[in-house]
Amino acid sequence: MFFAPRIQLKPLIALCRRAGTSLEAGVDIRTVFARERDRTAGHLRRHLAQIAKDLEQGESLADALREADDFFPLLFRELVEVGEQTGNLDEVLGQLAEHYETRLTMRRNFLAAITWPMAQLGIALGVIGFLIWIMGMMPKIDDKPIDILGCGLIGNRGLTIYLVFLAVMAAAIWVVVRAVARGMLWTRSIQQLVLRLPGLGGPLQTMALARLAWSMHLTMNTGMEVRRALRLSLRSARNARYTDQIPAIDAAIEAGHSIHEAFCAAGGYPADFLDTLAVGEESGKIVDSMGILSRQYQERARMALAALTVLAGWAVWGLVAAMIILMIFRLFSFYIGAIGGAMP
């Protein structure tokens, strides 16, 4: 499943918007997905064609989505099933569209802010590669090639080794990022380590809590069974600190404890989150309470993302500066060595 295709956020948002609007207008669900099939292409068209076929044969949308494996997000599949059971599928799809739209906007803002620092990093890496290649064309001194960088990479062979190293590093980063997005178990230790890093753990935890609060607001508003709603909400946080707590919280709820008590026992939640849970349970308005908390955490998540973007930008700039400084010192050392070697 690591390399299996998944629906992208943009077509998922469009699907939720159009399907929710059509269902609210009274259009039959089979007609809705037949139209969606005809206006898409690629992997999405293939899956929508199978879903439309299953719906024509009398299956529910939830069962049809389940047969699509992991192409659609778990949160989407679970809430569609609850929406069908409660008769609020159009409303659920509209809320999902807003949720995924917020995620897409935050991702775009982050990428836009990090583009220029990454371009600078690419230029710096390109200059190093050009220097490695050009050293192979320089005349030798005492039958020894000129190695300004001092790393033994010279000429075409050195450039090939350098490019292979960069490709391996890029592939490793891509594998880790994709594995975290897919919820691979072996990434939990990496996530726990990242959460402990100063300046990085706080923003990531705030963003995870924003997803958790929003998911709890939506799942508990659909009439979903409490334990199932909490399991789904904790998984939607996409953070090892909270997904690892699913068994303990589930067991506490099954034993008859309140949601507030279960989360307190699990630990790791800020006071305002726990206080909101307590007030919501005591007043019988936990859905409204989590909705208010969700909006507050969404705003905090935007601020956290802005801080994370600045931190990432400074980290990239720091790496570029370190590379430039190292290059300057290597060139200066080579120049001094050449002068010293020319003296009697």
C-alpha atoms as a PDB file:
ATOM      1  CA  MET A   1       0.000   0.000   0.000  1.00  0.00           C
ATOM      2  CA  PHE A   2       3.044   2.306   0.267  1.00  0.00           C
ATOM      3  CA  PHE A   3       3.074   3.119  -3.438  1.00  0.00           C
ATOM      4  CA  ALA A   4      -0.683   2.799  -3.994  1.00  0.00           C
ATOM      5  CA  PRO A   5      -2.221   6.005  -5.421  1.00  0.00           C
ATOM      6  CA  ARG A   6      -4.398   8.200  -3.229  1.00  0.00           C
ATOM      7  CA  ILE A   7      -6.850  10.905  -4.132  1.00  0.00           C
ATOM      8  CA  GLN A   8      -5.365  14.394  -3.951  1.00  0.00           C
ATOM      9  CA  LEU A   9      -6.895  17.096  -1.784  1.00  0.00           C
ATOM     10  CA  LYS A  10      -8.070  19.329  -4.623  1.00  0.00           C
ATOM     11  CA  PRO A  11     -10.212  16.705  -6.443  1.00  0.00           C
ATOM     12  CA  LEU A  12     -11.422  15.408  -3.069  1.00  0.00           C
ATOM     13  CA  ILE A  13     -12.655  18.888  -2.127  1.00  0.00           C
ATOM     14  CA  ALA A  14     -14.400  19.256  -5.494  1.00  0.00           C
ATOM     15  CA  LEU A  15     -15.997  15.807  -5.084  1.00  0.00           C
ATOM     16  CA  CYS A  16     -17.290  16.627  -1.589  1.00  0.00           C
ATOM     17  CA  ARG A  17     -18.617  20.032  -2.689  1.00  0.00           C
ATOM     18  CA  ARG A  18     -20.438  18.841  -5.803  1.00  0.00           C
ATOM     19  CA  ALA A  19     -21.781  15.647  -4.250  1.00  0.00           C
ATOM     20  CA  GLY A  20     -22.968  17.449  -1.111  1.00  0.00           C
ATOM     21  CA  THR A  21     -24.702  20.182  -3.120  1.00  0.00           C
ATOM     22  CA  SER A  22     -26.359  17.677  -5.455  1.00  0.00           C
ATOM     23  CA  LEU A  23     -27.602  15.483  -2.610  1.00  0.00           C
ATOM     24  CA  GLU A  24     -28.966  18.529  -0.784  1.00  0.00           C
ATOM     25  CA  ALA A  25     -30.861  19.456  -3.973  1.00  0.00           C
ATOM     26  CA  GLY A  26     -32.454  15.994  -4.029  1.00  0.00           C
ATOM     27  CA  VAL A  27     -30.393  14.393  -6.820  1.00  0.00           C
ATOM     28  CA  ASP A  28     -30.162  10.598  -6.580  1.00  0.00           C
ATOM     29  CA  ILE A  29     -26.782   9.382  -5.314  1.00  0.00           C
ATOM     30  CA  ARG A  30     -26.369   7.040  -8.306  1.00  0.00           C
ATOM     31  CA  THR A  31     -26.767   9.980 -10.668  1.00  0.00           C
ATOM     32  CA  VAL A  32     -24.319  12.043  -8.607  1.00  0.00           C
ATOM     33  CA  PHE A  33     -21.494   9.526  -8.891  1.00  0.00           C
ATOM     34  CA  ALA A  34     -22.239   8.732 -12.512  1.00  0.00           C
ATOM     35  CA  ARG A  35     -21.719  12.419 -13.279  1.00  0.00           C
ATOM     36  CA  GLU A  36     -18.555  12.529 -11.162  1.00  0.00           C
ATOM     37  CA  ARG A  37     -17.214   9.534 -13.071  1.00  0.00           C
ATOM     38  CA  ASP A  38     -17.762  11.269 -16.414  1.00  0.00           C
ATOM     39  CA  ARG A  39     -15.985  14.501 -15.438  1.00  0.00           C
ATOM     40  CA  THR A  40     -12.776  12.944 -14.045  1.00  0.00           C
ATOM     41  CA  ALA A  41      -9.798  11.002 -15.408  1.00  0.00           C
ATOM     42  CA  GLY A  42      -6.964   8.737 -14.294  1.00  0.00           C
ATOM     43  CA  HIS A  43      -7.075   6.766 -11.052  1.00  0.00           C
ATOM     44  CA  LEU A  44      -9.977   8.814  -9.728  1.00  0.00           C
ATOM     45  CA  ARG A  45     -12.116   7.990 -12.763  1.00  0.00           C
ATOM     46  CA  ARG A  46     -11.382   4.286 -12.364  1.00  0.00           C
ATOM     47  CA  HIS A  47     -12.438   4.290  -8.706  1.00  0.00           C
ATOM     48  CA  LEU A  48     -15.503   6.451  -9.317  1.00  0.00           C
ATOM     49  CA  ALA A  49     -16.539   4.154 -12.157  1.00  0.00           C
ATOM     50  CA  GLN A  50     -16.405   1.176  -9.794  1.00  0.00           C
ATOM     51  CA  ILE A  51     -18.316   3.107  -7.123  1.00  0.00           C
ATOM     52  CA  ALA A  52     -20.993   4.117  -9.640  1.00  0.00           C
ATOM     53  CA  LYS A  53     -21.270   0.484 -10.751  1.00  0.00           C
ATOM     54  CA  ASP A  54     -21.634  -0.718  -7.148  1.00  0.00           C
ATOM     55  CA  LEU A  55     -24.306   1.892  -6.463  1.00  0.00           C
ATOM     56  CA  GLU A  56     -26.243   0.775  -9.552  1.00  0.00           C
ATOM     57  CA  GLN A  57     -26.173  -2.761  -8.153  1.00  0.00           C
ATOM     58  CA  GLY A  58     -27.781  -1.599  -4.914  1.00  0.00           C
ATOM     59  CA  GLU A  59     -24.755  -1.306  -2.628  1.00  0.00           C
ATOM     60  CA  SER A  60     -24.412   1.588  -0.195  1.00  0.00           C
ATOM     61  CA  LEU A  61     -21.851   4.314  -0.787  1.00  0.00           C
ATOM     62  CA  ALA A  62     -19.962   3.248   2.357  1.00  0.00           C
ATOM     63  CA  ASP A  63     -19.599  -0.322   1.056  1.00  0.00           C
ATOM     64  CA  ALA A  64     -18.502   0.947  -2.356  1.00  0.00           C
ATOM     65  CA  LEU A  65     -15.859   3.199  -0.783  1.00  0.00           C
ATOM     66  CA  ARG A  66     -14.624   0.330   1.377  1.00  0.00           C
ATOM     67  CA  GLU A  67     -13.848  -1.673  -1.762  1.00  0.00           C
ATOM     68  CA  ALA A  68     -11.638   1.191  -2.995  1.00  0.00           C
ATOM     69  CA  ASP A  69      -9.141   0.271  -0.247  1.00  0.00           C
ATOM     70  CA  ASP A  70      -6.965   3.190   0.809  1.00  0.00           C
ATOM     71  CA  PHE A  71      -7.595   5.475  -2.165  1.00  0.00           C
ATOM     72  CA  PHE A  72      -9.958   7.646  -0.119  1.00  0.00           C
ATOM     73  CA  PRO A  73      -8.953   8.916   3.378  1.00  0.00           C
ATOM     74  CA  LEU A  74     -10.149   6.943   6.393  1.00  0.00           C
ATOM     75  CA  LEU A  75     -11.938   9.974   7.849  1.00  0.00           C
ATOM     76  CA  PHE A  76     -13.838  10.424   4.575  1.00  0.00           C
ATOM     77  CA  ARG A  77     -14.908   6.764   4.425  1.00  0.00           C
ATOM     78  CA  GLU A  78     -15.985   6.584   8.067  1.00  0.00           C
ATOM     79  CA  LEU A  79     -18.002   9.803   8.024  1.00  0.00           C
ATOM     80  CA  VAL A  80     -19.700   8.918   4.746  1.00  0.00           C
ATOM     81  CA  GLU A  81     -20.906   5.707   6.390  1.00  0.00           C
ATOM     82  CA  VAL A  82     -22.263   7.628   9.393  1.00  0.00           C
ATOM     83  CA  GLY A  83     -23.816  10.240   7.100  1.00  0.00           C
ATOM     84  CA  GLU A  84     -25.679   7.515   5.229  1.00  0.00           C
ATOM     85  CA  GLN A  85     -26.889   5.916   8.447  1.00  0.00           C
ATOM     86  CA  THR A  86     -28.166   9.205   9.890  1.00  0.00           C
ATOM     87  CA  GLY A  87     -29.486  10.669   6.645  1.00  0.00           C
ATOM     88  CA  ASN A  88     -27.131  13.677   6.852  1.00  0.00           C
ATOM     89  CA  LEU A  89     -24.738  12.714   4.061  1.00  0.00           C
ATOM     90  CA  ASP A  90     -25.051  16.060   2.270  1.00  0.00           C
ATOM     91  CA  GLU A  91     -24.186  17.992   5.444  1.00  0.00           C
ATOM     92  CA  VAL A  92     -21.293  15.662   6.255  1.00  0.00           C
ATOM     93  CA  LEU A  93     -19.834  16.080   2.754  1.00  0.00           C
ATOM     94  CA  GLY A  94     -20.068  19.868   3.070  1.00  0.00           C
ATOM     95  CA  GLN A  95     -18.188  19.848   6.374  1.00  0.00           C
ATOM     96  CA  LEU A  96     -15.577  17.507   4.951  1.00  0.00           C
ATOM     97  CA  ALA A  97     -15.073  19.880   2.030  1.00  0.00           C
ATOM     98  CA  GLU A  98     -14.433  22.763   4.446  1.00  0.00           C
ATOM     99  CA  HIS A  99     -11.990  20.639   6.442  1.00  0.00           C
ATOM    100  CA  TYR A 100      -9.976  19.549   3.410  1.00  0.00           C
ATOM    101  CA  GLU A 101     -10.076  23.096   2.027  1.00  0.00           C
ATOM    102  CA  THR A 102      -8.471  24.387   5.214  1.00  0.00           C
ATOM    103  CA  ARG A 103      -5.763  21.736   4.979  1.00  0.00           C
ATOM    104  CA  LEU A 104      -5.086  22.592   1.338  1.00  0.00           C
ATOM    105  CA  THR A 105      -4.842  26.327   2.090  1.00  0.00           C
ATOM    106  CA  MET A 106      -2.395  25.738   4.924  1.00  0.00           C
ATOM    107  CA  ARG A 107      -0.275  23.477   2.738  1.00  0.00           C
ATOM    108  CA  ARG A 108      -0.198  26.029  -0.079  1.00  0.00           C
ATOM    109  CA  ASN A 109       0.813  28.811   2.301  1.00  0.00           C
ATOM    110  CA  PHE A 110       3.645  26.702   3.678  1.00  0.00           C
ATOM    111  CA  LEU A 111       4.937  25.740   0.233  1.00  0.00           C
ATOM    112  CA  ALA A 112       4.715  29.327  -1.010  1.00  0.00           C
ATOM    113  CA  ALA A 113       6.727  30.587   1.953  1.00  0.00           C
ATOM    114  CA  ILE A 114       9.392  27.898   1.658  1.00  0.00           C
ATOM    115  CA  THR A 115       9.829  28.103  -2.131  1.00  0.00           C
ATOM    116  CA  TRP A 116      12.469  30.864  -2.208  1.00  0.00           C
ATOM    117  CA  PRO A 117      14.702  29.348   0.530  1.00  0.00           C
ATOM    118  CA  MET A 118      14.511  25.970  -1.248  1.00  0.00           C
ATOM    119  CA  ALA A 119      15.436  27.670  -4.538  1.00  0.00           C
ATOM    120  CA  GLN A 120      18.480  29.183  -2.819  1.00  0.00           C
ATOM    121  CA  LEU A 121      19.437  25.760  -1.510  1.00  0.00           C
ATOM    122  CA  GLY A 122      19.106  24.310  -5.010  1.00  0.00           C
ATOM    123  CA  ILE A 123      21.348  27.056  -6.420  1.00  0.00           C
ATOM    124  CA  ALA A 124      23.972  26.423  -3.728  1.00  0.00           C
ATOM    125  CA  LEU A 125      23.950  22.679  -4.399  1.00  0.00           C
ATOM    126  CA  GLY A 126      24.190  23.385  -8.139  1.00  0.00           C
ATOM    127  CA  VAL A 127      27.239  25.638  -7.625  1.00  0.00           C
ATOM    128  CA  ILE A 128      28.973  22.889  -5.641  1.00  0.00           C
ATOM    129  CA  GLY A 129      28.213  20.374  -8.402  1.00  0.00           C
ATOM    130  CA  PHE A 130      29.583  22.746 -11.054  1.00  0.00           C
ATOM    131  CA  LEU A 131      32.742  23.304  -8.995  1.00  0.00           C
ATOM    132  CA  ILE A 132      33.258  19.543  -8.667  1.00  0.00           C
ATOM    133  CA  TRP A 133      32.889  19.111 -12.417  1.00  0.00           C
ATOM    134  CA  ILE A 134      35.107  22.064 -13.399  1.00  0.00           C
ATOM    135  CA  MET A 135      37.944  20.869 -11.142  1.00  0.00           C
ATOM    136  CA  GLY A 136      38.325  17.842 -13.393  1.00  0.00           C
ATOM    137  CA  MET A 137      39.174  20.154 -16.304  1.00  0.00           C
ATOM    138  CA  MET A 138      41.820  22.149 -14.451  1.00  0.00           C
ATOM    139  CA  PRO A 139      45.533  21.406 -15.016  1.00  0.00           C
ATOM    140  CA  LYS A 140      47.122  19.127 -12.431  1.00  0.00           C
ATOM    141  CA  ILE A 141      49.749  20.319  -9.961  1.00  0.00           C
ATOM    142  CA  ASP A 142      52.626  17.866  -9.408  1.00  0.00           C
ATOM    143  CA  ASP A 143      50.533  15.197 -11.161  1.00  0.00           C
ATOM    144  CA  LYS A 144      47.778  15.670  -8.595  1.00  0.00           C
ATOM    145  CA  PRO A 145      44.317  16.977  -9.512  1.00  0.00           C
ATOM    146  CA  ILE A 146      43.164  20.171  -7.865  1.00  0.00           C
ATOM    147  CA  ASP A 147      40.732  19.406  -5.048  1.00  0.00           C
ATOM    148  CA  ILE A 148      39.485  22.741  -3.732  1.00  0.00           C
ATOM    149  CA  LEU A 149      36.688  21.176  -1.656  1.00  0.00           C
ATOM    150  CA  GLY A 150      38.968  18.574  -0.113  1.00  0.00           C
ATOM    151  CA  CYS A 151      36.405  15.775  -0.352  1.00  0.00           C
ATOM    152  CA  GLY A 152      37.980  13.805  -3.194  1.00  0.00           C
ATOM    153  CA  LEU A 153      35.150  14.509  -5.646  1.00  0.00           C
ATOM    154  CA  ILE A 154      36.619  15.744  -8.921  1.00  0.00           C
ATOM    155  CA  GLY A 155      35.465  15.767 -12.543  1.00  0.00           C
ATOM    156  CA  ASN A 156      32.751  13.617 -14.098  1.00  0.00           C
ATOM    157  CA  ARG A 157      33.213  10.757 -11.646  1.00  0.00           C
ATOM    158  CA  GLY A 158      33.047  13.087  -8.660  1.00  0.00           C
ATOM    159  CA  LEU A 159      29.963  14.810 -10.072  1.00  0.00           C
ATOM    160  CA  THR A 160      28.229  11.447 -10.551  1.00  0.00           C
ATOM    161  CA  ILE A 161      28.939  10.424  -6.942  1.00  0.00           C
ATOM    162  CA  TYR A 162      27.709  13.827  -5.721  1.00  0.00           C
ATOM    163  CA  LEU A 163      24.460  13.607  -7.705  1.00  0.00           C
ATOM    164  CA  VAL A 164      23.841  10.041  -6.541  1.00  0.00           C
ATOM    165  CA  PHE A 165      24.320  11.163  -2.925  1.00  0.00           C
ATOM    166  CA  LEU A 166      21.799  13.999  -3.371  1.00  0.00           C
ATOM    167  CA  ALA A 167      19.330  11.626  -5.023  1.00  0.00           C
ATOM    168  CA  VAL A 168      19.634   9.128  -2.154  1.00  0.00           C
ATOM    169  CA  MET A 169      19.105  11.874   0.434  1.00  0.00           C
ATOM    170  CA  ALA A 170      16.052  13.227  -1.425  1.00  0.00           C
ATOM    171  CA  ALA A 171      14.618   9.714  -1.759  1.00  0.00           C
ATOM    172  CA  ALA A 172      15.122   9.041   1.956  1.00  0.00           C
ATOM    173  CA  ILE A 173      13.315  12.262   2.913  1.00  0.00           C
ATOM    174  CA  TRP A 174      10.489  11.445   0.483  1.00  0.00           C
ATOM    175  CA  VAL A 175      10.105   7.930   1.932  1.00  0.00           C
ATOM    176  CA  VAL A 176       9.894   9.252   5.514  1.00  0.00           C
ATOM    177  CA  VAL A 177       7.369  11.980   4.615  1.00  0.00           C
ATOM    178  CA  ARG A 178       5.213   9.530   2.648  1.00  0.00           C
ATOM    179  CA  ALA A 179       5.394   6.930   5.420  1.00  0.00           C
ATOM    180  CA  VAL A 180       4.287   9.496   8.013  1.00  0.00           C
ATOM    181  CA  ALA A 181       1.366  10.517   5.770  1.00  0.00           C
ATOM    182  CA  ARG A 182       0.392   6.851   5.379  1.00  0.00           C
ATOM    183  CA  GLY A 183       0.604   6.229   9.130  1.00  0.00           C
ATOM    184  CA  MET A 184       3.338   3.587   8.949  1.00  0.00           C
ATOM    185  CA  LEU A 185       4.113   2.160  12.392  1.00  0.00           C
ATOM    186  CA  TRP A 186       7.893   2.534  12.067  1.00  0.00           C
ATOM    187  CA  THR A 187       7.544   6.331  11.815  1.00  0.00           C
ATOM    188  CA  ARG A 188       6.145   6.694  15.328  1.00  0.00           C
ATOM    189  CA  SER A 189       9.572   6.940  16.944  1.00  0.00           C
ATOM    190  CA  ILE A 190      10.534   9.616  14.391  1.00  0.00           C
ATOM    191  CA  GLN A 191       7.370  11.591  15.163  1.00  0.00           C
ATOM    192  CA  GLN A 192       7.969  11.326  18.907  1.00  0.00           C
ATOM    193  CA  LEU A 193      11.524  12.596  18.421  1.00  0.00           C
ATOM    194  CA  VAL A 194      10.405  15.531  16.255  1.00  0.00           C
ATOM    195  CA  LEU A 195       7.786  16.539  18.836  1.00  0.00           C
ATOM    196  CA  ARG A 196      10.552  16.922  21.431  1.00  0.00           C
ATOM    197  CA  LEU A 197      12.554  19.343  19.290  1.00  0.00           C
ATOM    198  CA  PRO A 198      12.372  22.936  20.610  1.00  0.00           C
ATOM    199  CA  GLY A 199      10.562  25.308  18.270  1.00  0.00           C
ATOM    200  CA  LEU A 200       9.184  22.456  16.182  1.00  0.00           C
ATOM    201  CA  GLY A 201       7.239  20.241  18.571  1.00  0.00           C
ATOM    202  CA  GLY A 202       4.908  23.009  19.793  1.00  0.00           C
ATOM    203  CA  PRO A 203       3.540  24.061  16.363  1.00  0.00           C
ATOM    204  CA  LEU A 204       3.121  20.441  15.269  1.00  0.00           C
ATOM    205  CA  GLN A 205       1.223  19.591  18.453  1.00  0.00           C
ATOM    206  CA  THR A 206      -1.070  22.622  17.991  1.00  0.00           C
ATOM    207  CA  MET A 207      -1.869  21.567  14.419  1.00  0.00           C
ATOM    208  CA  ALA A 208      -2.593  18.006  15.589  1.00  0.00           C
ATOM    209  CA  LEU A 209      -4.907  19.260  18.337  1.00  0.00           C
ATOM    210  CA  ALA A 210      -6.753  21.414  15.794  1.00  0.00           C
ATOM    211  CA  ARG A 211      -7.439  18.316  13.660  1.00  0.00           C
ATOM    212  CA  LEU A 212      -8.450  16.339  16.757  1.00  0.00           C
ATOM    213  CA  ALA A 213     -10.890  18.990  18.010  1.00  0.00           C
ATOM    214  CA  TRP A 214     -12.468  19.402  14.574  1.00  0.00           C
ATOM    215  CA  SER A 215     -12.849  15.629  14.138  1.00  0.00           C
ATOM    216  CA  MET A 216     -14.438  15.251  17.572  1.00  0.00           C
ATOM    217  CA  HIS A 217     -16.883  18.055  16.765  1.00  0.00           C
ATOM    218  CA  LEU A 218     -17.881  16.443  13.473  1.00  0.00           C
ATOM    219  CA  THR A 219     -17.988  12.785  14.544  1.00  0.00           C
ATOM    220  CA  MET A 220     -19.995  13.487  17.695  1.00  0.00           C
ATOM    221  CA  ASN A 221     -22.408  15.607  15.695  1.00  0.00           C
ATOM    222  CA  THR A 222     -23.248  12.689  13.400  1.00  0.00           C
ATOM    223  CA  GLY A 223     -24.560  10.329  16.052  1.00  0.00           C
ATOM    224  CA  MET A 224     -21.549   8.040  15.814  1.00  0.00           C
ATOM    225  CA  GLU A 225     -20.946   5.721  18.784  1.00  0.00           C
ATOM    226  CA  VAL A 226     -18.614   7.463  21.265  1.00  0.00           C
ATOM    227  CA  ARG A 227     -15.772   4.939  21.256  1.00  0.00           C
ATOM    228  CA  ARG A 228     -15.733   4.772  17.484  1.00  0.00           C
ATOM    229  CA  ALA A 229     -15.876   8.570  17.243  1.00  0.00           C
ATOM    230  CA  LEU A 230     -12.922   8.967  19.587  1.00  0.00           C
ATOM    231  CA  ARG A 231     -10.853   6.317  17.794  1.00  0.00           C
ATOM    232  CA  LEU A 232     -11.469   8.013  14.458  1.00  0.00           C
ATOM    233  CA  SER A 233     -10.773  11.486  15.862  1.00  0.00           C
ATOM    234  CA  LEU A 234      -7.484  10.414  17.447  1.00  0.00           C
ATOM    235  CA  ARG A 235      -6.377   8.765  14.207  1.00  0.00           C
ATOM    236  CA  SER A 236      -7.257  11.902  12.256  1.00  0.00           C
ATOM    237  CA  ALA A 237      -4.797  13.888  14.394  1.00  0.00           C
ATOM    238  CA  ARG A 238      -2.036  12.087  12.438  1.00  0.00           C
ATOM    239  CA  ASN A 239       0.306  12.425  15.379  1.00  0.00           C
ATOM    240  CA  ALA A 240       1.973   9.493  17.158  1.00  0.00           C
ATOM    241  CA  ARG A 241       1.463  11.102  20.583  1.00  0.00           C
ATOM    242  CA  TYR A 242      -2.316  10.840  20.201  1.00  0.00           C
ATOM    243  CA  THR A 243      -2.708   7.757  18.021  1.00  0.00           C
ATOM    244  CA  ASP A 244      -0.718   5.759  20.581  1.00  0.00           C
ATOM    245  CA  GLN A 245      -3.341   6.686  23.190  1.00  0.00           C
ATOM    246  CA  ILE A 246      -6.228   5.074  21.319  1.00  0.00           C
ATOM    247  CA  PRO A 247      -6.148   1.730  23.245  1.00  0.00           C
ATOM    248  CA  ALA A 248      -5.948   3.432  26.673  1.00  0.00           C
ATOM    249  CA  ILE A 249      -8.748   5.933  25.962  1.00  0.00           C
ATOM    250  CA  ASP A 250     -10.897   3.240  24.362  1.00  0.00           C
ATOM    251  CA  ALA A 251     -10.455   0.984  27.404  1.00  0.00           C
ATOM    252  CA  ALA A 252     -11.296   3.839  29.796  1.00  0.00           C
ATOM    253  CA  ILE A 253     -14.528   4.650  27.945  1.00  0.00           C
ATOM    254  CA  GLU A 254     -15.486   0.977  27.877  1.00  0.00           C
ATOM    255  CA  ALA A 255     -14.894   0.810  31.637  1.00  0.00           C
ATOM    256  CA  GLY A 256     -17.475   3.572  32.157  1.00  0.00           C
ATOM    257  CA  HIS A 257     -15.258   6.626  32.591  1.00  0.00           C
ATOM    258  CA  SER A 258     -16.218   9.949  31.077  1.00  0.00           C
ATOM    259  CA  ILE A 259     -14.461  11.340  28.018  1.00  0.00           C
ATOM    260  CA  HIS A 260     -12.809  13.995  30.187  1.00  0.00           C
ATOM    261  CA  GLU A 261     -11.504  11.385  32.628  1.00  0.00           C
ATOM    262  CA  ALA A 262     -10.212   9.199  29.792  1.00  0.00           C
ATOM    263  CA  PHE A 263      -8.269  12.064  28.216  1.00  0.00           C
ATOM    264  CA  CYS A 264      -6.925  13.223  31.591  1.00  0.00           C
ATOM    265  CA  ALA A 265      -5.644   9.725  32.334  1.00  0.00           C
ATOM    266  CA  ALA A 266      -4.007   9.493  28.912  1.00  0.00           C
ATOM    267  CA  GLY A 267      -2.068  12.727  29.538  1.00  0.00           C
ATOM    268  CA  GLY A 268      -0.406  15.149  27.147  1.00  0.00           C
ATOM    269  CA  TYR A 269      -3.395  17.468  26.586  1.00  0.00           C
ATOM    270  CA  PRO A 270      -3.416  21.197  27.434  1.00  0.00           C
ATOM    271  CA  ALA A 271      -5.646  22.492  30.203  1.00  0.00           C
ATOM    272  CA  ASP A 272      -8.009  24.417  27.918  1.00  0.00           C
ATOM    273  CA  PHE A 273      -8.681  21.275  25.879  1.00  0.00           C
ATOM    274  CA  LEU A 274      -9.504  19.241  28.997  1.00  0.00           C
ATOM    275  CA  ASP A 275     -11.584  22.051  30.531  1.00  0.00           C
ATOM    276  CA  THR A 276     -13.661  22.315  27.348  1.00  0.00           C
ATOM    277  CA  LEU A 277     -14.294  18.568  27.419  1.00  0.00           C
ATOM    278  CA  ALA A 278     -15.390  18.736  31.066  1.00  0.00           C
ATOM    279  CA  VAL A 279     -17.758  21.688  30.509  1.00  0.00           C
ATOM    280  CA  GLY A 280     -19.179  20.095  27.360  1.00  0.00           C
ATOM    281  CA  GLU A 281     -19.926  16.797  29.090  1.00  0.00           C
ATOM    282  CA  GLU A 282     -21.408  18.420  32.182  1.00  0.00           C
ATOM    283  CA  SER A 283     -23.695  20.681  30.149  1.00  0.00           C
ATOM    284  CA  GLY A 284     -24.591  18.026  27.562  1.00  0.00           C
ATOM    285  CA  LYS A 285     -23.286  20.274  24.780  1.00  0.00           C
ATOM    286  CA  ILE A 286     -20.002  18.615  23.962  1.00  0.00           C
ATOM    287  CA  VAL A 287     -20.600  19.020  20.204  1.00  0.00           C
ATOM    288  CA  ASP A 288     -20.975  22.798  20.555  1.00  0.00           C
ATOM    289  CA  SER A 289     -18.027  22.995  22.932  1.00  0.00           C
ATOM    290  CA  MET A 290     -15.752  21.086  20.569  1.00  0.00           C
ATOM    291  CA  GLY A 291     -16.956  23.256  17.681  1.00  0.00           C
ATOM    292  CA  ILE A 292     -15.886  26.410  19.537  1.00  0.00           C
ATOM    293  CA  LEU A 293     -12.587  24.784  20.545  1.00  0.00           C
ATOM    294  CA  SER A 294     -12.052  23.630  16.976  1.00  0.00           C
ATOM    295  CA  ARG A 295     -12.341  27.194  15.641  1.00  0.00           C
ATOM    296  CA  GLN A 296      -9.940  28.455  18.302  1.00  0.00           C
ATOM    297  CA  TYR A 297      -7.398  25.746  17.527  1.00  0.00           C
ATOM    298  CA  GLN A 298      -7.749  26.341  13.795  1.00  0.00           C
ATOM    299  CA  GLU A 299      -6.645  29.923  14.352  1.00  0.00           C
ATOM    300  CA  ARG A 300      -3.796  28.742  16.558  1.00  0.00           C
ATOM    301  CA  ALA A 301      -2.874  26.190  13.895  1.00  0.00           C
ATOM    302  CA  ARG A 302      -2.559  28.977  11.298  1.00  0.00           C
ATOM    303  CA  MET A 303      -0.260  30.882  13.647  1.00  0.00           C
ATOM    304  CA  ALA A 304       1.681  27.684  14.386  1.00  0.00           C
ATOM    305  CA  LEU A 305       2.078  27.025  10.675  1.00  0.00           C
ATOM    306  CA  ALA A 306       3.360  30.557  10.178  1.00  0.00           C
ATOM    307  CA  ALA A 307       5.922  29.994  12.950  1.00  0.00           C
ATOM    308  CA  LEU A 308       6.835  26.626  11.458  1.00  0.00           C
ATOM    309  CA  THR A 309       7.281  28.236   8.043  1.00  0.00           C
ATOM    310  CA  VAL A 310       9.621  30.879   9.470  1.00  0.00           C
ATOM    311  CA  LEU A 311      11.580  28.184  11.300  1.00  0.00           C
ATOM    312  CA  ALA A 312      11.873  26.075   8.153  1.00  0.00           C
ATOM    313  CA  GLY A 313      12.957  29.112   6.134  1.00  0.00           C
ATOM    314  CA  TRP A 314      15.640  30.031   8.647  1.00  0.00           C
ATOM    315  CA  ALA A 315      16.817  26.409   8.773  1.00  0.00           C
ATOM    316  CA  VAL A 316      17.241  26.321   4.996  1.00  0.00           C
ATOM    317  CA  TRP A 317      18.939  29.729   4.955  1.00  0.00           C
ATOM    318  CA  GLY A 318      21.226  28.570   7.765  1.00  0.00           C
ATOM    319  CA  LEU A 319      22.175  25.496   5.752  1.00  0.00           C
ATOM    320  CA  VAL A 320      22.902  27.640   2.680  1.00  0.00           C
ATOM    321  CA  ALA A 321      24.950  30.079   4.773  1.00  0.00           C
ATOM    322  CA  ALA A 322      26.919  27.218   6.314  1.00  0.00           C
ATOM    323  CA  MET A 323      27.675  25.836   2.848  1.00  0.00           C
ATOM    324  CA  ILE A 324      28.801  29.272   1.603  1.00  0.00           C
ATOM    325  CA  ILE A 325      31.020  29.850   4.651  1.00  0.00           C
ATOM    326  CA  LEU A 326      32.538  26.388   4.281  1.00  0.00           C
ATOM    327  CA  MET A 327      33.225  27.068   0.607  1.00  0.00           C
ATOM    328  CA  ILE A 328      34.891  30.389   1.453  1.00  0.00           C
ATOM    329  CA  PHE A 329      37.150  28.762   4.038  1.00  0.00           C
ATOM    330  CA  ARG A 330      38.041  25.909   1.663  1.00  0.00           C
ATOM    331  CA  LEU A 331      38.916  28.348  -1.134  1.00  0.00           C
ATOM    332  CA  PHE A 332      40.942  30.503   1.247  1.00  0.00           C
ATOM    333  CA  SER A 333      42.773  27.451   2.573  1.00  0.00           C
ATOM    334  CA  PHE A 334      43.505  26.274  -0.971  1.00  0.00           C
ATOM    335  CA  TYR A 335      44.772  29.751  -1.935  1.00  0.00           C
ATOM    336  CA  ILE A 336      47.078  29.955   1.107  1.00  0.00           C
ATOM    337  CA  GLY A 337      48.328  26.428   0.420  1.00  0.00           C
ATOM    338  CA  ALA A 338      49.061  27.274  -3.200  1.00  0.00           C
ATOM    339  CA  ILE A 339      51.030  30.371  -2.177  1.00  0.00           C
ATOM    340  CA  GLY A 340      52.944  28.429   0.445  1.00  0.00           C
ATOM    341  CA  GLY A 341      53.776  25.699  -2.066  1.00  0.00           C
ATOM    342  CA  ALA A 342      55.124  28.248  -4.558  1.00  0.00           C
ATOM    343  CA  MET A 343      57.510  29.824  -2.053  1.00  0.00           C
ATOM    344  CA  PRO A 344      61.135  28.515  -1.868  1.00  0.00           C
END
